[in-house]
Amino acid sequence: MSQPHTDSHQNHDAHGSLKSYIMGFALSIILTIIPLVVVMNHMLNRTGTLVLILIMAILQFVVQLLFFMHVKEGENAKWNIMALIFGLVILITIVAGSIWIMTYNQVAH
């Protein structure tokens, strides 16, 4: 009965500290506020705003992975990162291929 209790303490070491959670939360708030301020004050043109939102979304994704999902921590960190990169390559291939097909495979009437 004491075995599951010891396992939970060993697994607890793989989680982040309070400092890393607060830093991740602060970065998430900042990365959310920046595009909000730009959009609300019309600081950039349409293309610049879309690019800024895309960049902030990617950075937000990285912050979530590193600070809250602990992708770089643990014994399988290398495999977790490789699996994530592989999944992203497949996702980008499917999305880009779908856009390409929808754009250039239209039937002219």
PDB file of N, CA and C in Angstrom:
ATOM      1  N   MET A   1       0.814  -1.183   0.000  1.00  0.00           N
ATOM      2  CA  MET A   1       0.000   0.000   0.000  1.00  0.00           C
ATOM      3  C   MET A   1       0.865   1.258   0.000  1.00  0.00           C
ATOM      4  N   SER A   2       2.071   1.164   0.560  1.00  0.00           N
ATOM      5  CA  SER A   2       2.944   2.333   0.561  1.00  0.00           C
ATOM      6  C   SER A   2       3.643   2.517  -0.785  1.00  0.00           C
ATOM      7  N   GLN A   3       3.621   1.523  -1.632  1.00  0.00           N
ATOM      8  CA  GLN A   3       4.271   1.612  -2.951  1.00  0.00           C
ATOM      9  C   GLN A   3       3.694   2.724  -3.832  1.00  0.00           C
ATOM     10  N   PRO A   4       2.348   2.843  -4.001  1.00  0.00           N
ATOM     11  CA  PRO A   4       1.832   3.941  -4.826  1.00  0.00           C
ATOM     12  C   PRO A   4       2.184   5.313  -4.269  1.00  0.00           C
ATOM     13  N   HIS A   5       2.266   5.411  -2.940  1.00  0.00           N
ATOM     14  CA  HIS A   5       2.612   6.690  -2.320  1.00  0.00           C
ATOM     15  C   HIS A   5       4.041   7.107  -2.688  1.00  0.00           C
ATOM     16  N   THR A   6       4.975   6.138  -2.681  1.00  0.00           N
ATOM     17  CA  THR A   6       6.358   6.453  -3.043  1.00  0.00           C
ATOM     18  C   THR A   6       6.461   6.801  -4.520  1.00  0.00           C
ATOM     19  N   ASP A   7       5.708   6.135  -5.375  1.00  0.00           N
ATOM     20  CA  ASP A   7       5.743   6.444  -6.800  1.00  0.00           C
ATOM     21  C   ASP A   7       5.258   7.854  -7.067  1.00  0.00           C
ATOM     22  N   SER A   8       4.236   8.284  -6.319  1.00  0.00           N
ATOM     23  CA  SER A   8       3.729   9.632  -6.551  1.00  0.00           C
ATOM     24  C   SER A   8       4.765  10.681  -6.148  1.00  0.00           C
ATOM     25  N   HIS A   9       5.552  10.388  -5.099  1.00  0.00           N
ATOM     26  CA  HIS A   9       6.598  11.343  -4.719  1.00  0.00           C
ATOM     27  C   HIS A   9       7.721  11.360  -5.743  1.00  0.00           C
ATOM     28  N   GLN A  10       8.041  10.227  -6.329  1.00  0.00           N
ATOM     29  CA  GLN A  10       9.084  10.193  -7.349  1.00  0.00           C
ATOM     30  C   GLN A  10       8.616  10.914  -8.610  1.00  0.00           C
ATOM     31  N   ASN A  11       7.366  10.772  -8.984  1.00  0.00           N
ATOM     32  CA  ASN A  11       6.839  11.444 -10.162  1.00  0.00           C
ATOM     33  C   ASN A  11       6.645  12.931  -9.922  1.00  0.00           C
ATOM     34  N   HIS A  12       6.481  13.329  -8.660  1.00  0.00           N
ATOM     35  CA  HIS A  12       6.276  14.746  -8.349  1.00  0.00           C
ATOM     36  C   HIS A  12       7.524  15.568  -8.694  1.00  0.00           C
ATOM     37  N   ASP A  13       8.705  14.941  -8.631  1.00  0.00           N
ATOM     38  CA  ASP A  13       9.946  15.653  -8.936  1.00  0.00           C
ATOM     39  C   ASP A  13      10.008  16.074 -10.396  1.00  0.00           C
ATOM     40  N   ALA A  14       9.287  15.408 -11.282  1.00  0.00           N
ATOM     41  CA  ALA A  14       9.317  15.724 -12.702  1.00  0.00           C
ATOM     42  C   ALA A  14       8.466  16.946 -13.028  1.00  0.00           C
ATOM     43  N   HIS A  15       7.635  17.396 -12.097  1.00  0.00           N
ATOM     44  CA  HIS A  15       6.783  18.554 -12.339  1.00  0.00           C
ATOM     45  C   HIS A  15       7.544  19.832 -12.024  1.00  0.00           C
ATOM     46  N   GLY A  16       7.028  20.947 -12.546  1.00  0.00           N
ATOM     47  CA  GLY A  16       7.688  22.231 -12.360  1.00  0.00           C
ATOM     48  C   GLY A  16       7.485  22.789 -10.967  1.00  0.00           C
ATOM     49  N   SER A  17       8.269  23.804 -10.689  1.00  0.00           N
ATOM     50  CA  SER A  17       8.168  24.472  -9.401  1.00  0.00           C
ATOM     51  C   SER A  17       7.133  25.588  -9.484  1.00  0.00           C
ATOM     52  N   LEU A  18       6.821  26.173  -8.352  1.00  0.00           N
ATOM     53  CA  LEU A  18       5.883  27.290  -8.316  1.00  0.00           C
ATOM     54  C   LEU A  18       6.414  28.458  -9.136  1.00  0.00           C
ATOM     55  N   LYS A  19       7.737  28.664  -9.059  1.00  0.00           N
ATOM     56  CA  LYS A  19       8.366  29.746  -9.822  1.00  0.00           C
ATOM     57  C   LYS A  19       8.163  29.546 -11.330  1.00  0.00           C
ATOM     58  N   SER A  20       8.330  28.319 -11.819  1.00  0.00           N
ATOM     59  CA  SER A  20       8.163  28.074 -13.257  1.00  0.00           C
ATOM     60  C   SER A  20       6.701  28.223 -13.675  1.00  0.00           C
ATOM     61  N   TYR A  21       5.768  27.829 -12.802  1.00  0.00           N
ATOM     62  CA  TYR A  21       4.350  28.006 -13.122  1.00  0.00           C
ATOM     63  C   TYR A  21       3.975  29.488 -13.178  1.00  0.00           C
ATOM     64  N   ILE A  22       4.494  30.269 -12.237  1.00  0.00           N
ATOM     65  CA  ILE A  22       4.201  31.706 -12.231  1.00  0.00           C
ATOM     66  C   ILE A  22       4.822  32.368 -13.461  1.00  0.00           C
ATOM     67  N   MET A  23       6.049  31.970 -13.811  1.00  0.00           N
ATOM     68  CA  MET A  23       6.693  32.531 -14.995  1.00  0.00           C
ATOM     69  C   MET A  23       5.915  32.167 -16.268  1.00  0.00           C
ATOM     70  N   GLY A  24       5.480  30.929 -16.368  1.00  0.00           N
ATOM     71  CA  GLY A  24       4.682  30.505 -17.516  1.00  0.00           C
ATOM     72  C   GLY A  24       3.359  31.243 -17.589  1.00  0.00           C
ATOM     73  N   PHE A  25       2.721  31.439 -16.440  1.00  0.00           N
ATOM     74  CA  PHE A  25       1.458  32.168 -16.403  1.00  0.00           C
ATOM     75  C   PHE A  25       1.655  33.620 -16.821  1.00  0.00           C
ATOM     76  N   ALA A  26       2.720  34.250 -16.312  1.00  0.00           N
ATOM     77  CA  ALA A  26       3.005  35.647 -16.667  1.00  0.00           C
ATOM     78  C   ALA A  26       3.293  35.780 -18.153  1.00  0.00           C
ATOM     79  N   LEU A  27       4.086  34.870 -18.707  1.00  0.00           N
ATOM     80  CA  LEU A  27       4.361  34.897 -20.147  1.00  0.00           C
ATOM     81  C   LEU A  27       3.088  34.694 -20.963  1.00  0.00           C
ATOM     82  N   SER A  28       2.222  33.809 -20.506  1.00  0.00           N
ATOM     83  CA  SER A  28       0.956  33.583 -21.207  1.00  0.00           C
ATOM     84  C   SER A  28       0.097  34.842 -21.218  1.00  0.00           C
ATOM     85  N   ILE A  29       0.044  35.527 -20.088  1.00  0.00           N
ATOM     86  CA  ILE A  29      -0.733  36.773 -20.007  1.00  0.00           C
ATOM     87  C   ILE A  29      -0.136  37.832 -20.934  1.00  0.00           C
ATOM     88  N   ILE A  30       1.188  37.977 -20.908  1.00  0.00           N
ATOM     89  CA  ILE A  30       1.847  38.969 -21.765  1.00  0.00           C
ATOM     90  C   ILE A  30       1.618  38.659 -23.233  1.00  0.00           C
ATOM     91  N   LEU A  31       1.754  37.379 -23.602  1.00  0.00           N
ATOM     92  CA  LEU A  31       1.569  36.985 -25.003  1.00  0.00           C
ATOM     93  C   LEU A  31       0.115  37.095 -25.449  1.00  0.00           C
ATOM     94  N   THR A  32      -0.798  37.195 -24.508  1.00  0.00           N
ATOM     95  CA  THR A  32      -2.203  37.424 -24.844  1.00  0.00           C
ATOM     96  C   THR A  32      -2.503  38.924 -24.939  1.00  0.00           C
ATOM     97  N   ILE A  33      -1.895  39.703 -24.058  1.00  0.00           N
ATOM     98  CA  ILE A  33      -2.166  41.143 -24.020  1.00  0.00           C
ATOM     99  C   ILE A  33      -1.576  41.867 -25.233  1.00  0.00           C
ATOM    100  N   ILE A  34      -0.401  41.452 -25.687  1.00  0.00           N
ATOM    101  CA  ILE A  34       0.249  42.145 -26.816  1.00  0.00           C
ATOM    102  C   ILE A  34      -0.652  42.195 -28.046  1.00  0.00           C
ATOM    103  N   PRO A  35      -1.172  41.080 -28.557  1.00  0.00           N
ATOM    104  CA  PRO A  35      -2.047  41.190 -29.735  1.00  0.00           C
ATOM    105  C   PRO A  35      -3.349  41.934 -29.424  1.00  0.00           C
ATOM    106  N   LEU A  36      -3.849  41.806 -28.200  1.00  0.00           N
ATOM    107  CA  LEU A  36      -5.071  42.509 -27.830  1.00  0.00           C
ATOM    108  C   LEU A  36      -4.890  44.019 -27.925  1.00  0.00           C
ATOM    109  N   VAL A  37      -3.785  44.522 -27.399  1.00  0.00           N
ATOM    110  CA  VAL A  37      -3.504  45.952 -27.450  1.00  0.00           C
ATOM    111  C   VAL A  37      -3.332  46.414 -28.898  1.00  0.00           C
ATOM    112  N   VAL A  38      -2.619  45.618 -29.694  1.00  0.00           N
ATOM    113  CA  VAL A  38      -2.402  45.980 -31.101  1.00  0.00           C
ATOM    114  C   VAL A  38      -3.725  46.041 -31.860  1.00  0.00           C
ATOM    115  N   VAL A  39      -4.593  45.080 -31.634  1.00  0.00           N
ATOM    116  CA  VAL A  39      -5.882  45.048 -32.336  1.00  0.00           C
ATOM    117  C   VAL A  39      -6.794  46.172 -31.855  1.00  0.00           C
ATOM    118  N   MET A  40      -6.879  46.370 -30.550  1.00  0.00           N
ATOM    119  CA  MET A  40      -7.790  47.380 -30.015  1.00  0.00           C
ATOM    120  C   MET A  40      -7.383  48.801 -30.403  1.00  0.00           C
ATOM    121  N   ASN A  41      -6.083  49.053 -30.579  1.00  0.00           N
ATOM    122  CA  ASN A  41      -5.605  50.397 -30.896  1.00  0.00           C
ATOM    123  C   ASN A  41      -5.258  50.573 -32.377  1.00  0.00           C
ATOM    124  N   HIS A  42      -5.514  49.562 -33.181  1.00  0.00           N
ATOM    125  CA  HIS A  42      -5.249  49.616 -34.628  1.00  0.00           C
ATOM    126  C   HIS A  42      -3.817  50.066 -34.908  1.00  0.00           C
ATOM    127  N   MET A  43      -2.858  49.432 -34.254  1.00  0.00           N
ATOM    128  CA  MET A  43      -1.459  49.844 -34.354  1.00  0.00           C
ATOM    129  C   MET A  43      -0.784  49.354 -35.632  1.00  0.00           C
ATOM    130  N   LEU A  44      -1.263  48.263 -36.208  1.00  0.00           N
ATOM    131  CA  LEU A  44      -0.680  47.713 -37.427  1.00  0.00           C
ATOM    132  C   LEU A  44      -1.768  47.575 -38.488  1.00  0.00           C
ATOM    133  N   ASN A  45      -1.322  47.425 -39.737  1.00  0.00           N
ATOM    134  CA  ASN A  45      -2.297  47.152 -40.790  1.00  0.00           C
ATOM    135  C   ASN A  45      -2.779  45.707 -40.662  1.00  0.00           C
ATOM    136  N   ARG A  46      -3.673  45.306 -41.524  1.00  0.00           N
ATOM    137  CA  ARG A  46      -4.300  43.980 -41.420  1.00  0.00           C
ATOM    138  C   ARG A  46      -3.280  42.846 -41.486  1.00  0.00           C
ATOM    139  N   THR A  47      -2.363  42.922 -42.459  1.00  0.00           N
ATOM    140  CA  THR A  47      -1.364  41.860 -42.608  1.00  0.00           C
ATOM    141  C   THR A  47      -0.433  41.815 -41.407  1.00  0.00           C
ATOM    142  N   GLY A  48       0.025  42.966 -40.954  1.00  0.00           N
ATOM    143  CA  GLY A  48       0.902  43.012 -39.788  1.00  0.00           C
ATOM    144  C   GLY A  48       0.233  42.470 -38.544  1.00  0.00           C
ATOM    145  N   THR A  49      -1.045  42.789 -38.387  1.00  0.00           N
ATOM    146  CA  THR A  49      -1.797  42.289 -37.238  1.00  0.00           C
ATOM    147  C   THR A  49      -1.925  40.770 -37.290  1.00  0.00           C
ATOM    148  N   LEU A  50      -2.235  40.236 -38.462  1.00  0.00           N
ATOM    149  CA  LEU A  50      -2.357  38.780 -38.600  1.00  0.00           C
ATOM    150  C   LEU A  50      -1.031  38.079 -38.342  1.00  0.00           C
ATOM    151  N   VAL A  51       0.062  38.647 -38.845  1.00  0.00           N
ATOM    152  CA  VAL A  51       1.383  38.063 -38.602  1.00  0.00           C
ATOM    153  C   VAL A  51       1.712  38.111 -37.107  1.00  0.00           C
ATOM    154  N   LEU A  52       1.442  39.236 -36.462  1.00  0.00           N
ATOM    155  CA  LEU A  52       1.697  39.356 -35.025  1.00  0.00           C
ATOM    156  C   LEU A  52       0.876  38.336 -34.227  1.00  0.00           C
ATOM    157  N   ILE A  53      -0.382  38.181 -34.573  1.00  0.00           N
ATOM    158  CA  ILE A  53      -1.232  37.215 -33.870  1.00  0.00           C
ATOM    159  C   ILE A  53      -0.701  35.800 -34.069  1.00  0.00           C
ATOM    160  N   LEU A  54      -0.273  35.477 -35.277  1.00  0.00           N
ATOM    161  CA  LEU A  54       0.280  34.145 -35.554  1.00  0.00           C
ATOM    162  C   LEU A  54       1.558  33.902 -34.751  1.00  0.00           C
ATOM    163  N   ILE A  55       2.440  34.889 -34.712  1.00  0.00           N
ATOM    164  CA  ILE A  55       3.688  34.741 -33.953  1.00  0.00           C
ATOM    165  C   ILE A  55       3.401  34.589 -32.458  1.00  0.00           C
ATOM    166  N   MET A  56       2.485  35.394 -31.941  1.00  0.00           N
ATOM    167  CA  MET A  56       2.141  35.302 -30.516  1.00  0.00           C
ATOM    168  C   MET A  56       1.481  33.958 -30.195  1.00  0.00           C
ATOM    169  N   ALA A  57       0.691  33.426 -31.122  1.00  0.00           N
ATOM    170  CA  ALA A  57       0.064  32.115 -30.911  1.00  0.00           C
ATOM    171  C   ALA A  57       1.113  31.013 -30.870  1.00  0.00           C
ATOM    172  N   ILE A  58       2.104  31.092 -31.742  1.00  0.00           N
ATOM    173  CA  ILE A  58       3.169  30.087 -31.746  1.00  0.00           C
ATOM    174  C   ILE A  58       3.980  30.174 -30.451  1.00  0.00           C
ATOM    175  N   LEU A  59       4.302  31.394 -30.033  1.00  0.00           N
ATOM    176  CA  LEU A  59       5.026  31.560 -28.773  1.00  0.00           C
ATOM    177  C   LEU A  59       4.196  31.074 -27.583  1.00  0.00           C
ATOM    178  N   GLN A  60       2.898  31.330 -27.628  1.00  0.00           N
ATOM    179  CA  GLN A  60       2.003  30.851 -26.564  1.00  0.00           C
ATOM    180  C   GLN A  60       2.010  29.313 -26.513  1.00  0.00           C
ATOM    181  N   PHE A  61       2.011  28.689 -27.679  1.00  0.00           N
ATOM    182  CA  PHE A  61       2.076  27.228 -27.788  1.00  0.00           C
ATOM    183  C   PHE A  61       3.361  26.705 -27.148  1.00  0.00           C
ATOM    184  N   VAL A  62       4.481  27.352 -27.437  1.00  0.00           N
ATOM    185  CA  VAL A  62       5.763  26.932 -26.881  1.00  0.00           C
ATOM    186  C   VAL A  62       5.778  27.115 -25.357  1.00  0.00           C
ATOM    187  N   VAL A  63       5.252  28.234 -24.879  1.00  0.00           N
ATOM    188  CA  VAL A  63       5.191  28.473 -23.430  1.00  0.00           C
ATOM    189  C   VAL A  63       4.351  27.395 -22.756  1.00  0.00           C
ATOM    190  N   GLN A  64       3.212  27.062 -23.327  1.00  0.00           N
ATOM    191  CA  GLN A  64       2.355  26.030 -22.736  1.00  0.00           C
ATOM    192  C   GLN A  64       3.074  24.686 -22.682  1.00  0.00           C
ATOM    193  N   LEU A  65       3.779  24.341 -23.761  1.00  0.00           N
ATOM    194  CA  LEU A  65       4.494  23.065 -23.793  1.00  0.00           C
ATOM    195  C   LEU A  65       5.624  23.013 -22.775  1.00  0.00           C
ATOM    196  N   LEU A  66       6.378  24.082 -22.669  1.00  0.00           N
ATOM    197  CA  LEU A  66       7.550  24.064 -21.803  1.00  0.00           C
ATOM    198  C   LEU A  66       7.207  24.239 -20.326  1.00  0.00           C
ATOM    199  N   PHE A  67       6.324  25.171 -20.004  1.00  0.00           N
ATOM    200  CA  PHE A  67       6.087  25.492 -18.598  1.00  0.00           C
ATOM    201  C   PHE A  67       4.980  24.662 -17.954  1.00  0.00           C
ATOM    202  N   PHE A  68       3.995  24.227 -18.727  1.00  0.00           N
ATOM    203  CA  PHE A  68       2.855  23.529 -18.126  1.00  0.00           C
ATOM    204  C   PHE A  68       2.787  22.051 -18.492  1.00  0.00           C
ATOM    205  N   MET A  69       3.239  21.686 -19.671  1.00  0.00           N
ATOM    206  CA  MET A  69       3.175  20.283 -20.077  1.00  0.00           C
ATOM    207  C   MET A  69       4.504  19.566 -19.890  1.00  0.00           C
ATOM    208  N   HIS A  70       5.553  20.298 -19.528  1.00  0.00           N
ATOM    209  CA  HIS A  70       6.862  19.744 -19.170  1.00  0.00           C
ATOM    210  C   HIS A  70       7.413  18.815 -20.246  1.00  0.00           C
ATOM    211  N   VAL A  71       7.393  19.268 -21.485  1.00  0.00           N
ATOM    212  CA  VAL A  71       7.842  18.436 -22.596  1.00  0.00           C
ATOM    213  C   VAL A  71       9.331  18.138 -22.499  1.00  0.00           C
ATOM    214  N   LYS A  72      10.119  19.072 -21.999  1.00  0.00           N
ATOM    215  CA  LYS A  72      11.566  18.875 -21.935  1.00  0.00           C
ATOM    216  C   LYS A  72      12.026  18.173 -20.666  1.00  0.00           C
ATOM    217  N   GLU A  73      11.111  17.799 -19.796  1.00  0.00           N
ATOM    218  CA  GLU A  73      11.498  17.176 -18.542  1.00  0.00           C
ATOM    219  C   GLU A  73      11.179  15.695 -18.569  1.00  0.00           C
ATOM    220  N   GLY A  74      11.824  14.950 -17.718  1.00  0.00           N
ATOM    221  CA  GLY A  74      11.544  13.533 -17.585  1.00  0.00           C
ATOM    222  C   GLY A  74      12.530  12.689 -18.366  1.00  0.00           C
ATOM    223  N   GLU A  75      12.360  11.390 -18.244  1.00  0.00           N
ATOM    224  CA  GLU A  75      13.307  10.458 -18.850  1.00  0.00           C
ATOM    225  C   GLU A  75      13.093  10.303 -20.356  1.00  0.00           C
ATOM    226  N   ASN A  76      11.900  10.602 -20.849  1.00  0.00           N
ATOM    227  CA  ASN A  76      11.608  10.463 -22.278  1.00  0.00           C
ATOM    228  C   ASN A  76      11.523  11.814 -22.974  1.00  0.00           C
ATOM    229  N   ALA A  77      12.255  12.802 -22.498  1.00  0.00           N
ATOM    230  CA  ALA A  77      12.146  14.150 -23.043  1.00  0.00           C
ATOM    231  C   ALA A  77      12.516  14.190 -24.520  1.00  0.00           C
ATOM    232  N   LYS A  78      13.581  13.497 -24.894  1.00  0.00           N
ATOM    233  CA  LYS A  78      14.013  13.499 -26.292  1.00  0.00           C
ATOM    234  C   LYS A  78      12.941  12.888 -27.190  1.00  0.00           C
ATOM    235  N   TRP A  79      12.341  11.818 -26.730  1.00  0.00           N
ATOM    236  CA  TRP A  79      11.305  11.162 -27.536  1.00  0.00           C
ATOM    237  C   TRP A  79      10.037  12.001 -27.589  1.00  0.00           C
ATOM    238  N   ASN A  80       9.722  12.685 -26.490  1.00  0.00           N
ATOM    239  CA  ASN A  80       8.550  13.568 -26.488  1.00  0.00           C
ATOM    240  C   ASN A  80       8.713  14.690 -27.504  1.00  0.00           C
ATOM    241  N   ILE A  81       9.888  15.290 -27.545  1.00  0.00           N
ATOM    242  CA  ILE A  81      10.140  16.383 -28.485  1.00  0.00           C
ATOM    243  C   ILE A  81      10.129  15.867 -29.918  1.00  0.00           C
ATOM    244  N   MET A  82      10.724  14.704 -30.147  1.00  0.00           N
ATOM    245  CA  MET A  82      10.726  14.132 -31.499  1.00  0.00           C
ATOM    246  C   MET A  82       9.309  13.799 -31.962  1.00  0.00           C
ATOM    247  N   ALA A  83       8.500  13.248 -31.070  1.00  0.00           N
ATOM    248  CA  ALA A  83       7.118  12.935 -31.414  1.00  0.00           C
ATOM    249  C   ALA A  83       6.321  14.216 -31.688  1.00  0.00           C
ATOM    250  N   LEU A  84       6.573  15.255 -30.922  1.00  0.00           N
ATOM    251  CA  LEU A  84       5.906  16.537 -31.139  1.00  0.00           C
ATOM    252  C   LEU A  84       6.294  17.122 -32.491  1.00  0.00           C
ATOM    253  N   ILE A  85       7.570  17.114 -32.816  1.00  0.00           N
ATOM    254  CA  ILE A  85       8.026  17.630 -34.106  1.00  0.00           C
ATOM    255  C   ILE A  85       7.438  16.820 -35.244  1.00  0.00           C
ATOM    256  N   PHE A  86       7.414  15.510 -35.104  1.00  0.00           N
ATOM    257  CA  PHE A  86       6.829  14.651 -36.133  1.00  0.00           C
ATOM    258  C   PHE A  86       5.343  14.961 -36.323  1.00  0.00           C
ATOM    259  N   GLY A  87       4.632  15.139 -35.235  1.00  0.00           N
ATOM    260  CA  GLY A  87       3.215  15.492 -35.320  1.00  0.00           C
ATOM    261  C   GLY A  87       3.000  16.835 -35.994  1.00  0.00           C
ATOM    262  N   LEU A  88       3.860  17.811 -35.673  1.00  0.00           N
ATOM    263  CA  LEU A  88       3.756  19.128 -36.302  1.00  0.00           C
ATOM    264  C   LEU A  88       4.057  19.060 -37.793  1.00  0.00           C
ATOM    265  N   VAL A  89       5.035  18.246 -38.193  1.00  0.00           N
ATOM    266  CA  VAL A  89       5.344  18.074 -39.620  1.00  0.00           C
ATOM    267  C   VAL A  89       4.143  17.476 -40.352  1.00  0.00           C
ATOM    268  N   ILE A  90       3.516  16.482 -39.756  1.00  0.00           N
ATOM    269  CA  ILE A  90       2.332  15.883 -40.376  1.00  0.00           C
ATOM    270  C   ILE A  90       1.203  16.901 -40.455  1.00  0.00           C
ATOM    271  N   LEU A  91       0.974  17.650 -39.383  1.00  0.00           N
ATOM    272  CA  LEU A  91      -0.082  18.661 -39.377  1.00  0.00           C
ATOM    273  C   LEU A  91       0.154  19.722 -40.445  1.00  0.00           C
ATOM    274  N   ILE A  92       1.366  20.243 -40.529  1.00  0.00           N
ATOM    275  CA  ILE A  92       1.680  21.271 -41.526  1.00  0.00           C
ATOM    276  C   ILE A  92       1.538  20.713 -42.937  1.00  0.00           C
ATOM    277  N   THR A  93       1.972  19.475 -43.146  1.00  0.00           N
ATOM    278  CA  THR A  93       1.842  18.850 -44.467  1.00  0.00           C
ATOM    279  C   THR A  93       0.381  18.715 -44.871  1.00  0.00           C
ATOM    280  N   ILE A  94      -0.459  18.265 -43.956  1.00  0.00           N
ATOM    281  CA  ILE A  94      -1.878  18.091 -44.260  1.00  0.00           C
ATOM    282  C   ILE A  94      -2.550  19.434 -44.529  1.00  0.00           C
ATOM    283  N   VAL A  95      -2.284  20.426 -43.695  1.00  0.00           N
ATOM    284  CA  VAL A  95      -2.913  21.742 -43.879  1.00  0.00           C
ATOM    285  C   VAL A  95      -2.425  22.396 -45.165  1.00  0.00           C
ATOM    286  N   ALA A  96      -1.106  22.404 -45.388  1.00  0.00           N
ATOM    287  CA  ALA A  96      -0.562  23.025 -46.595  1.00  0.00           C
ATOM    288  C   ALA A  96      -1.033  22.285 -47.851  1.00  0.00           C
ATOM    289  N   GLY A  97      -1.062  20.972 -47.796  1.00  0.00           N
ATOM    290  CA  GLY A  97      -1.541  20.195 -48.938  1.00  0.00           C
ATOM    291  C   GLY A  97      -3.007  20.445 -49.221  1.00  0.00           C
ATOM    292  N   SER A  98      -3.793  20.555 -48.191  1.00  0.00           N
ATOM    293  CA  SER A  98      -5.219  20.827 -48.378  1.00  0.00           C
ATOM    294  C   SER A  98      -5.439  22.213 -48.983  1.00  0.00           C
ATOM    295  N   ILE A  99      -4.706  23.194 -48.482  1.00  0.00           N
ATOM    296  CA  ILE A  99      -4.830  24.540 -49.044  1.00  0.00           C
ATOM    297  C   ILE A  99      -4.385  24.546 -50.498  1.00  0.00           C
ATOM    298  N   TRP A 100      -3.295  23.867 -50.803  1.00  0.00           N
ATOM    299  CA  TRP A 100      -2.793  23.799 -52.172  1.00  0.00           C
ATOM    300  C   TRP A 100      -3.818  23.146 -53.096  1.00  0.00           C
ATOM    301  N   ILE A 101      -4.395  22.041 -52.661  1.00  0.00           N
ATOM    302  CA  ILE A 101      -5.387  21.342 -53.475  1.00  0.00           C
ATOM    303  C   ILE A 101      -6.623  22.209 -53.684  1.00  0.00           C
ATOM    304  N   MET A 102      -7.107  22.858 -52.619  1.00  0.00           N
ATOM    305  CA  MET A 102      -8.294  23.696 -52.750  1.00  0.00           C
ATOM    306  C   MET A 102      -8.032  24.915 -53.632  1.00  0.00           C
ATOM    307  N   THR A 103      -6.817  25.424 -53.620  1.00  0.00           N
ATOM    308  CA  THR A 103      -6.493  26.608 -54.399  1.00  0.00           C
ATOM    309  C   THR A 103      -6.278  26.298 -55.873  1.00  0.00           C
ATOM    310  N   TYR A 104      -5.542  25.255 -56.191  1.00  0.00           N
ATOM    311  CA  TYR A 104      -5.132  25.004 -57.573  1.00  0.00           C
ATOM    312  C   TYR A 104      -5.890  23.895 -58.268  1.00  0.00           C
ATOM    313  N   ASN A 105      -6.855  23.310 -57.618  1.00  0.00           N
ATOM    314  CA  ASN A 105      -7.602  22.210 -58.237  1.00  0.00           C
ATOM    315  C   ASN A 105      -9.065  22.599 -58.460  1.00  0.00           C
ATOM    316  N   GLN A 106      -9.306  23.852 -58.704  1.00  0.00           N
ATOM    317  CA  GLN A 106     -10.672  24.302 -58.956  1.00  0.00           C
ATOM    318  C   GLN A 106     -11.041  24.033 -60.400  1.00  0.00           C
ATOM    319  N   VAL A 107     -12.252  23.581 -60.612  1.00  0.00           N
ATOM    320  CA  VAL A 107     -12.736  23.286 -61.958  1.00  0.00           C
ATOM    321  C   VAL A 107     -13.310  24.565 -62.533  1.00  0.00           C
ATOM    322  N   ALA A 108     -12.802  24.962 -63.707  1.00  0.00           N
ATOM    323  CA  ALA A 108     -13.290  26.170 -64.372  1.00  0.00           C
ATOM    324  C   ALA A 108     -14.549  25.839 -65.161  1.00  0.00           C
ATOM    325  N   HIS A 109     -15.540  26.669 -65.050  1.00  0.00           N
ATOM    326  CA  HIS A 109     -16.798  26.440 -65.777  1.00  0.00           C
ATOM    327  C   HIS A 109     -16.925  27.417 -66.908  1.00  0.00           C
TER     328      HIS A 109
END
